[in-house]
Amino acid sequence: MPDQFEGKSDHDLLVVAVTELGHIKGHLAALDEKVGVQNGRISALEKWRWTMSGVIALIGMGWPLLIYEFRQFILNKFDFIAGG
């Protein structure tokens, strides 16, 4: 690789460097666009995760109350049928 730059003037080397920097800027702009899309996806997944965590927490805390209410409803039905 060093052989390709031998015998070139500083001006020619500067032109090559500027050209390569232009290519790098183009690639970085494309990567920046892709990173923006990816960050949007990650944000959506994080929002979904916290929503599911909240739903699971509510179900976990409300489950005993739901079981109690259902049990009371069934016991009252059978008490009405048997006793009343």
PDB file of N, CA and C in Angstrom:
ATOM      1  N   MET A   1       0.811  -1.199   0.000  1.00  0.00           N
ATOM      2  CA  MET A   1       0.000   0.000   0.000  1.00  0.00           C
ATOM      3  C   MET A   1       0.855   1.264   0.000  1.00  0.00           C
ATOM      4  N   PRO A   2       1.964   1.310   0.722  1.00  0.00           N
ATOM      5  CA  PRO A   2       2.786   2.530   0.680  1.00  0.00           C
ATOM      6  C   PRO A   2       3.315   2.812  -0.720  1.00  0.00           C
ATOM      7  N   ASP A   3       3.444   1.779  -1.568  1.00  0.00           N
ATOM      8  CA  ASP A   3       3.976   1.995  -2.917  1.00  0.00           C
ATOM      9  C   ASP A   3       3.064   2.874  -3.766  1.00  0.00           C
ATOM     10  N   GLN A   4       1.762   2.832  -3.515  1.00  0.00           N
ATOM     11  CA  GLN A   4       0.849   3.604  -4.356  1.00  0.00           C
ATOM     12  C   GLN A   4       0.984   5.108  -4.107  1.00  0.00           C
ATOM     13  N   PHE A   5       1.522   5.500  -2.966  1.00  0.00           N
ATOM     14  CA  PHE A   5       1.687   6.923  -2.673  1.00  0.00           C
ATOM     15  C   PHE A   5       3.095   7.429  -2.967  1.00  0.00           C
ATOM     16  N   GLU A   6       4.001   6.560  -3.342  1.00  0.00           N
ATOM     17  CA  GLU A   6       5.374   6.973  -3.625  1.00  0.00           C
ATOM     18  C   GLU A   6       5.430   7.829  -4.884  1.00  0.00           C
ATOM     19  N   GLY A   7       6.172   8.890  -4.824  1.00  0.00           N
ATOM     20  CA  GLY A   7       6.367   9.745  -5.981  1.00  0.00           C
ATOM     21  C   GLY A   7       5.228  10.714  -6.234  1.00  0.00           C
ATOM     22  N   LYS A   8       4.240  10.765  -5.353  1.00  0.00           N
ATOM     23  CA  LYS A   8       3.132  11.702  -5.545  1.00  0.00           C
ATOM     24  C   LYS A   8       3.441  12.984  -4.791  1.00  0.00           C
ATOM     25  N   SER A   9       2.926  14.062  -5.339  1.00  0.00           N
ATOM     26  CA  SER A   9       3.161  15.357  -4.693  1.00  0.00           C
ATOM     27  C   SER A   9       2.196  15.513  -3.508  1.00  0.00           C
ATOM     28  N   ASP A  10       2.495  16.488  -2.707  1.00  0.00           N
ATOM     29  CA  ASP A  10       1.616  16.764  -1.563  1.00  0.00           C
ATOM     30  C   ASP A  10       0.212  17.121  -2.027  1.00  0.00           C
ATOM     31  N   HIS A  11       0.128  17.827  -3.135  1.00  0.00           N
ATOM     32  CA  HIS A  11      -1.174  18.215  -3.667  1.00  0.00           C
ATOM     33  C   HIS A  11      -1.981  16.979  -4.049  1.00  0.00           C
ATOM     34  N   ASP A  12      -1.353  16.028  -4.720  1.00  0.00           N
ATOM     35  CA  ASP A  12      -2.050  14.803  -5.117  1.00  0.00           C
ATOM     36  C   ASP A  12      -2.501  14.006  -3.882  1.00  0.00           C
ATOM     37  N   LEU A  13      -1.665  13.945  -2.882  1.00  0.00           N
ATOM     38  CA  LEU A  13      -2.020  13.244  -1.650  1.00  0.00           C
ATOM     39  C   LEU A  13      -3.186  13.943  -0.932  1.00  0.00           C
ATOM     40  N   LEU A  14      -3.173  15.273  -0.969  1.00  0.00           N
ATOM     41  CA  LEU A  14      -4.252  16.039  -0.353  1.00  0.00           C
ATOM     42  C   LEU A  14      -5.570  15.807  -1.093  1.00  0.00           C
ATOM     43  N   VAL A  15      -5.512  15.741  -2.401  1.00  0.00           N
ATOM     44  CA  VAL A  15      -6.722  15.478  -3.190  1.00  0.00           C
ATOM     45  C   VAL A  15      -7.286  14.089  -2.854  1.00  0.00           C
ATOM     46  N   VAL A  16      -6.408  13.102  -2.754  1.00  0.00           N
ATOM     47  CA  VAL A  16      -6.847  11.752  -2.400  1.00  0.00           C
ATOM     48  C   VAL A  16      -7.474  11.757  -1.006  1.00  0.00           C
ATOM     49  N   ALA A  17      -6.840  12.454  -0.051  1.00  0.00           N
ATOM     50  CA  ALA A  17      -7.365  12.496   1.322  1.00  0.00           C
ATOM     51  C   ALA A  17      -8.733  13.173   1.372  1.00  0.00           C
ATOM     52  N   VAL A  18      -8.882  14.277   0.651  1.00  0.00           N
ATOM     53  CA  VAL A  18     -10.166  14.988   0.646  1.00  0.00           C
ATOM     54  C   VAL A  18     -11.242  14.127  -0.011  1.00  0.00           C
ATOM     55  N   THR A  19     -10.888  13.437  -1.077  1.00  0.00           N
ATOM     56  CA  THR A  19     -11.850  12.559  -1.748  1.00  0.00           C
ATOM     57  C   THR A  19     -12.302  11.445  -0.810  1.00  0.00           C
ATOM     58  N   GLU A  20     -11.351  10.842  -0.129  1.00  0.00           N
ATOM     59  CA  GLU A  20     -11.695   9.762   0.820  1.00  0.00           C
ATOM     60  C   GLU A  20     -12.550  10.289   1.963  1.00  0.00           C
ATOM     61  N   LEU A  21     -12.253  11.500   2.442  1.00  0.00           N
ATOM     62  CA  LEU A  21     -13.073  12.095   3.495  1.00  0.00           C
ATOM     63  C   LEU A  21     -14.507  12.333   3.012  1.00  0.00           C
ATOM     64  N   GLY A  22     -14.647  12.703   1.756  1.00  0.00           N
ATOM     65  CA  GLY A  22     -15.990  12.870   1.188  1.00  0.00           C
ATOM     66  C   GLY A  22     -16.761  11.554   1.194  1.00  0.00           C
ATOM     67  N   HIS A  23     -16.079  10.464   0.848  1.00  0.00           N
ATOM     68  CA  HIS A  23     -16.726   9.152   0.880  1.00  0.00           C
ATOM     69  C   HIS A  23     -17.118   8.778   2.308  1.00  0.00           C
ATOM     70  N   ILE A  24     -16.232   9.078   3.240  1.00  0.00           N
ATOM     71  CA  ILE A  24     -16.515   8.760   4.646  1.00  0.00           C
ATOM     72  C   ILE A  24     -17.719   9.559   5.139  1.00  0.00           C
ATOM     73  N   LYS A  25     -17.802  10.838   4.774  1.00  0.00           N
ATOM     74  CA  LYS A  25     -18.953  11.658   5.179  1.00  0.00           C
ATOM     75  C   LYS A  25     -20.249  11.087   4.616  1.00  0.00           C
ATOM     76  N   GLY A  26     -20.202  10.629   3.374  1.00  0.00           N
ATOM     77  CA  GLY A  26     -21.393  10.023   2.773  1.00  0.00           C
ATOM     78  C   GLY A  26     -21.826   8.773   3.514  1.00  0.00           C
ATOM     79  N   HIS A  27     -20.870   7.941   3.864  1.00  0.00           N
ATOM     80  CA  HIS A  27     -21.180   6.714   4.602  1.00  0.00           C
ATOM     81  C   HIS A  27     -21.720   7.037   5.998  1.00  0.00           C
ATOM     82  N   LEU A  28     -21.143   8.036   6.645  1.00  0.00           N
ATOM     83  CA  LEU A  28     -21.615   8.425   7.982  1.00  0.00           C
ATOM     84  C   LEU A  28     -23.035   8.970   7.934  1.00  0.00           C
ATOM     85  N   ALA A  29     -23.360   9.720   6.885  1.00  0.00           N
ATOM     86  CA  ALA A  29     -24.723  10.240   6.747  1.00  0.00           C
ATOM     87  C   ALA A  29     -25.719   9.090   6.583  1.00  0.00           C
ATOM     88  N   ALA A  30     -25.350   8.082   5.799  1.00  0.00           N
ATOM     89  CA  ALA A  30     -26.225   6.922   5.623  1.00  0.00           C
ATOM     90  C   ALA A  30     -26.368   6.156   6.934  1.00  0.00           C
ATOM     91  N   LEU A  31     -25.273   6.013   7.667  1.00  0.00           N
ATOM     92  CA  LEU A  31     -25.335   5.329   8.957  1.00  0.00           C
ATOM     93  C   LEU A  31     -26.167   6.113   9.967  1.00  0.00           C
ATOM     94  N   ASP A  32     -26.073   7.431   9.925  1.00  0.00           N
ATOM     95  CA  ASP A  32     -26.846   8.264  10.840  1.00  0.00           C
ATOM     96  C   ASP A  32     -28.338   8.066  10.604  1.00  0.00           C
ATOM     97  N   GLU A  33     -28.723   7.962   9.352  1.00  0.00           N
ATOM     98  CA  GLU A  33     -30.126   7.717   9.012  1.00  0.00           C
ATOM     99  C   GLU A  33     -30.583   6.353   9.540  1.00  0.00           C
ATOM    100  N   LYS A  34     -29.744   5.348   9.365  1.00  0.00           N
ATOM    101  CA  LYS A  34     -30.081   4.008   9.853  1.00  0.00           C
ATOM    102  C   LYS A  34     -30.148   3.968  11.373  1.00  0.00           C
ATOM    103  N   VAL A  35     -29.269   4.704  12.036  1.00  0.00           N
ATOM    104  CA  VAL A  35     -29.281   4.754  13.503  1.00  0.00           C
ATOM    105  C   VAL A  35     -30.572   5.404  13.992  1.00  0.00           C
ATOM    106  N   GLY A  36     -31.033   6.427  13.296  1.00  0.00           N
ATOM    107  CA  GLY A  36     -32.297   7.071  13.668  1.00  0.00           C
ATOM    108  C   GLY A  36     -33.464   6.109  13.587  1.00  0.00           C
ATOM    109  N   VAL A  37     -33.502   5.315  12.536  1.00  0.00           N
ATOM    110  CA  VAL A  37     -34.562   4.306  12.394  1.00  0.00           C
ATOM    111  C   VAL A  37     -34.449   3.272  13.502  1.00  0.00           C
ATOM    112  N   GLN A  38     -33.242   2.815  13.772  1.00  0.00           N
ATOM    113  CA  GLN A  38     -33.037   1.795  14.806  1.00  0.00           C
ATOM    114  C   GLN A  38     -33.419   2.327  16.186  1.00  0.00           C
ATOM    115  N   ASN A  39     -33.074   3.577  16.477  1.00  0.00           N
ATOM    116  CA  ASN A  39     -33.445   4.153  17.769  1.00  0.00           C
ATOM    117  C   ASN A  39     -34.960   4.242  17.914  1.00  0.00           C
ATOM    118  N   GLY A  40     -35.656   4.515  16.821  1.00  0.00           N
ATOM    119  CA  GLY A  40     -37.115   4.524  16.863  1.00  0.00           C
ATOM    120  C   GLY A  40     -37.671   3.151  17.194  1.00  0.00           C
ATOM    121  N   ARG A  41     -37.078   2.119  16.620  1.00  0.00           N
ATOM    122  CA  ARG A  41     -37.519   0.751  16.904  1.00  0.00           C
ATOM    123  C   ARG A  41     -37.255   0.390  18.358  1.00  0.00           C
ATOM    124  N   ILE A  42     -36.084   0.761  18.845  1.00  0.00           N
ATOM    125  CA  ILE A  42     -35.735   0.445  20.234  1.00  0.00           C
ATOM    126  C   ILE A  42     -36.668   1.179  21.192  1.00  0.00           C
ATOM    127  N   SER A  43     -36.982   2.427  20.904  1.00  0.00           N
ATOM    128  CA  SER A  43     -37.904   3.183  21.753  1.00  0.00           C
ATOM    129  C   SER A  43     -39.280   2.532  21.775  1.00  0.00           C
ATOM    130  N   ALA A  44     -39.742   2.068  20.612  1.00  0.00           N
ATOM    131  CA  ALA A  44     -41.046   1.402  20.557  1.00  0.00           C
ATOM    132  C   ALA A  44     -41.028   0.110  21.368  1.00  0.00           C
ATOM    133  N   LEU A  45     -39.942  -0.643  21.293  1.00  0.00           N
ATOM    134  CA  LEU A  45     -39.845  -1.875  22.076  1.00  0.00           C
ATOM    135  C   LEU A  45     -39.796  -1.587  23.575  1.00  0.00           C
ATOM    136  N   GLU A  46     -39.092  -0.533  23.961  1.00  0.00           N
ATOM    137  CA  GLU A  46     -39.037  -0.182  25.377  1.00  0.00           C
ATOM    138  C   GLU A  46     -40.406   0.247  25.880  1.00  0.00           C
ATOM    139  N   LYS A  47     -41.126   1.009  25.071  1.00  0.00           N
ATOM    140  CA  LYS A  47     -42.481   1.425  25.458  1.00  0.00           C
ATOM    141  C   LYS A  47     -43.377   0.206  25.609  1.00  0.00           C
ATOM    142  N   TRP A  48     -43.298  -0.744  24.685  1.00  0.00           N
ATOM    143  CA  TRP A  48     -44.092  -1.962  24.758  1.00  0.00           C
ATOM    144  C   TRP A  48     -43.735  -2.770  26.005  1.00  0.00           C
ATOM    145  N   ARG A  49     -42.435  -2.850  26.311  1.00  0.00           N
ATOM    146  CA  ARG A  49     -41.990  -3.602  27.484  1.00  0.00           C
ATOM    147  C   ARG A  49     -42.562  -3.003  28.762  1.00  0.00           C
ATOM    148  N   TRP A  50     -42.518  -1.674  28.901  1.00  0.00           N
ATOM    149  CA  TRP A  50     -43.038  -1.052  30.110  1.00  0.00           C
ATOM    150  C   TRP A  50     -44.551  -1.164  30.189  1.00  0.00           C
ATOM    151  N   THR A  51     -45.218  -1.125  29.042  1.00  0.00           N
ATOM    152  CA  THR A  51     -46.667  -1.315  29.045  1.00  0.00           C
ATOM    153  C   THR A  51     -47.014  -2.717  29.517  1.00  0.00           C
ATOM    154  N   MET A  52     -46.303  -3.720  28.983  1.00  0.00           N
ATOM    155  CA  MET A  52     -46.559  -5.100  29.400  1.00  0.00           C
ATOM    156  C   MET A  52     -46.209  -5.308  30.873  1.00  0.00           C
ATOM    157  N   SER A  53     -45.153  -4.669  31.343  1.00  0.00           N
ATOM    158  CA  SER A  53     -44.791  -4.771  32.758  1.00  0.00           C
ATOM    159  C   SER A  53     -45.897  -4.186  33.636  1.00  0.00           C
ATOM    160  N   GLY A  54     -46.465  -3.076  33.224  1.00  0.00           N
ATOM    161  CA  GLY A  54     -47.560  -2.466  33.978  1.00  0.00           C
ATOM    162  C   GLY A  54     -48.804  -3.332  33.988  1.00  0.00           C
ATOM    163  N   VAL A  55     -49.130  -3.909  32.842  1.00  0.00           N
ATOM    164  CA  VAL A  55     -50.296  -4.792  32.762  1.00  0.00           C
ATOM    165  C   VAL A  55     -50.100  -6.008  33.652  1.00  0.00           C
ATOM    166  N   ILE A  56     -48.926  -6.603  33.600  1.00  0.00           N
ATOM    167  CA  ILE A  56     -48.641  -7.784  34.430  1.00  0.00           C
ATOM    168  C   ILE A  56     -48.693  -7.410  35.912  1.00  0.00           C
ATOM    169  N   ALA A  57     -48.185  -6.238  36.267  1.00  0.00           N
ATOM    170  CA  ALA A  57     -48.224  -5.803  37.665  1.00  0.00           C
ATOM    171  C   ALA A  57     -49.667  -5.606  38.129  1.00  0.00           C
ATOM    172  N   LEU A  58     -50.487  -4.989  37.279  1.00  0.00           N
ATOM    173  CA  LEU A  58     -51.895  -4.788  37.646  1.00  0.00           C
ATOM    174  C   LEU A  58     -52.631  -6.107  37.791  1.00  0.00           C
ATOM    175  N   ILE A  59     -52.390  -7.029  36.884  1.00  0.00           N
ATOM    176  CA  ILE A  59     -53.030  -8.338  36.976  1.00  0.00           C
ATOM    177  C   ILE A  59     -52.547  -9.063  38.228  1.00  0.00           C
ATOM    178  N   GLY A  60     -51.257  -8.970  38.502  1.00  0.00           N
ATOM    179  CA  GLY A  60     -50.699  -9.636  39.680  1.00  0.00           C
ATOM    180  C   GLY A  60     -51.279  -9.098  40.979  1.00  0.00           C
ATOM    181  N   MET A  61     -51.485  -7.786  41.035  1.00  0.00           N
ATOM    182  CA  MET A  61     -52.047  -7.203  42.255  1.00  0.00           C
ATOM    183  C   MET A  61     -53.556  -7.400  42.323  1.00  0.00           C
ATOM    184  N   GLY A  62     -54.228  -7.440  41.189  1.00  0.00           N
ATOM    185  CA  GLY A  62     -55.686  -7.559  41.176  1.00  0.00           C
ATOM    186  C   GLY A  62     -56.193  -8.983  41.207  1.00  0.00           C
ATOM    187  N   TRP A  63     -55.336  -9.946  40.949  1.00  0.00           N
ATOM    188  CA  TRP A  63     -55.746 -11.348  40.887  1.00  0.00           C
ATOM    189  C   TRP A  63     -56.366 -11.857  42.185  1.00  0.00           C
ATOM    190  N   PRO A  64     -55.761 -11.595  43.357  1.00  0.00           N
ATOM    191  CA  PRO A  64     -56.394 -12.072  44.598  1.00  0.00           C
ATOM    192  C   PRO A  64     -57.781 -11.463  44.817  1.00  0.00           C
ATOM    193  N   LEU A  65     -57.955 -10.201  44.505  1.00  0.00           N
ATOM    194  CA  LEU A  65     -59.259  -9.566  44.651  1.00  0.00           C
ATOM    195  C   LEU A  65     -60.273 -10.189  43.701  1.00  0.00           C
ATOM    196  N   LEU A  66     -59.861 -10.472  42.502  1.00  0.00           N
ATOM    197  CA  LEU A  66     -60.751 -11.100  41.529  1.00  0.00           C
ATOM    198  C   LEU A  66     -61.172 -12.492  41.987  1.00  0.00           C
ATOM    199  N   ILE A  67     -60.237 -13.248  42.512  1.00  0.00           N
ATOM    200  CA  ILE A  67     -60.559 -14.585  43.020  1.00  0.00           C
ATOM    201  C   ILE A  67     -61.524 -14.471  44.198  1.00  0.00           C
ATOM    202  N   TYR A  68     -61.292 -13.533  45.102  1.00  0.00           N
ATOM    203  CA  TYR A  68     -62.161 -13.345  46.261  1.00  0.00           C
ATOM    204  C   TYR A  68     -63.579 -12.986  45.826  1.00  0.00           C
ATOM    205  N   GLU A  69     -63.689 -12.049  44.897  1.00  0.00           N
ATOM    206  CA  GLU A  69     -65.012 -11.622  44.436  1.00  0.00           C
ATOM    207  C   GLU A  69     -65.752 -12.763  43.737  1.00  0.00           C
ATOM    208  N   PHE A  70     -65.049 -13.512  42.921  1.00  0.00           N
ATOM    209  CA  PHE A  70     -65.673 -14.640  42.232  1.00  0.00           C
ATOM    210  C   PHE A  70     -66.141 -15.680  43.243  1.00  0.00           C
ATOM    211  N   ARG A  71     -65.319 -15.948  44.245  1.00  0.00           N
ATOM    212  CA  ARG A  71     -65.664 -16.923  45.278  1.00  0.00           C
ATOM    213  C   ARG A  71     -66.905 -16.464  46.057  1.00  0.00           C
ATOM    214  N   GLN A  72     -66.954 -15.197  46.402  1.00  0.00           N
ATOM    215  CA  GLN A  72     -68.110 -14.676  47.126  1.00  0.00           C
ATOM    216  C   GLN A  72     -69.375 -14.757  46.275  1.00  0.00           C
ATOM    217  N   PHE A  73     -69.237 -14.475  44.993  1.00  0.00           N
ATOM    218  CA  PHE A  73     -70.384 -14.542  44.095  1.00  0.00           C
ATOM    219  C   PHE A  73     -70.928 -15.964  44.025  1.00  0.00           C
ATOM    220  N   ILE A  74     -70.054 -16.952  43.861  1.00  0.00           N
ATOM    221  CA  ILE A  74     -70.470 -18.349  43.778  1.00  0.00           C
ATOM    222  C   ILE A  74     -71.088 -18.801  45.099  1.00  0.00           C
ATOM    223  N   LEU A  75     -70.453 -18.454  46.226  1.00  0.00           N
ATOM    224  CA  LEU A  75     -71.000 -18.853  47.524  1.00  0.00           C
ATOM    225  C   LEU A  75     -72.366 -18.227  47.768  1.00  0.00           C
ATOM    226  N   ASN A  76     -72.564 -16.987  47.381  1.00  0.00           N
ATOM    227  CA  ASN A  76     -73.873 -16.338  47.546  1.00  0.00           C
ATOM    228  C   ASN A  76     -74.928 -16.987  46.656  1.00  0.00           C
ATOM    229  N   LYS A  77     -74.566 -17.407  45.466  1.00  0.00           N
ATOM    230  CA  LYS A  77     -75.509 -18.084  44.576  1.00  0.00           C
ATOM    231  C   LYS A  77     -75.976 -19.400  45.194  1.00  0.00           C
ATOM    232  N   PHE A  78     -75.003 -20.200  45.670  1.00  0.00           N
ATOM    233  CA  PHE A  78     -75.367 -21.495  46.256  1.00  0.00           C
ATOM    234  C   PHE A  78     -76.115 -21.302  47.567  1.00  0.00           C
ATOM    235  N   ASP A  79     -75.806 -20.276  48.318  1.00  0.00           N
ATOM    236  CA  ASP A  79     -76.527 -20.009  49.572  1.00  0.00           C
ATOM    237  C   ASP A  79     -77.965 -19.636  49.246  1.00  0.00           C
ATOM    238  N   PHE A  80     -78.163 -18.856  48.187  1.00  0.00           N
ATOM    239  CA  PHE A  80     -79.522 -18.450  47.784  1.00  0.00           C
ATOM    240  C   PHE A  80     -80.310 -19.674  47.346  1.00  0.00           C
ATOM    241  N   ILE A  81     -79.680 -20.581  46.589  1.00  0.00           N
ATOM    242  CA  ILE A  81     -80.365 -21.785  46.102  1.00  0.00           C
ATOM    243  C   ILE A  81     -80.667 -22.735  47.254  1.00  0.00           C
ATOM    244  N   ALA A  82     -79.684 -22.947  48.132  1.00  0.00           N
ATOM    245  CA  ALA A  82     -79.843 -23.926  49.205  1.00  0.00           C
ATOM    246  C   ALA A  82     -80.736 -23.399  50.338  1.00  0.00           C
ATOM    247  N   GLY A  83     -80.578 -22.139  50.680  1.00  0.00           N
ATOM    248  CA  GLY A  83     -81.279 -21.648  51.853  1.00  0.00           C
ATOM    249  C   GLY A  83     -82.521 -20.842  51.551  1.00  0.00           C
ATOM    250  N   GLY A  84     -82.644 -20.374  50.390  1.00  0.00           N
ATOM    251  CA  GLY A  84     -83.657 -19.418  50.227  1.00  0.00           C
ATOM    252  C   GLY A  84     -84.767 -19.607  49.368  1.00  0.00           C
TER     253      GLY A  84
END
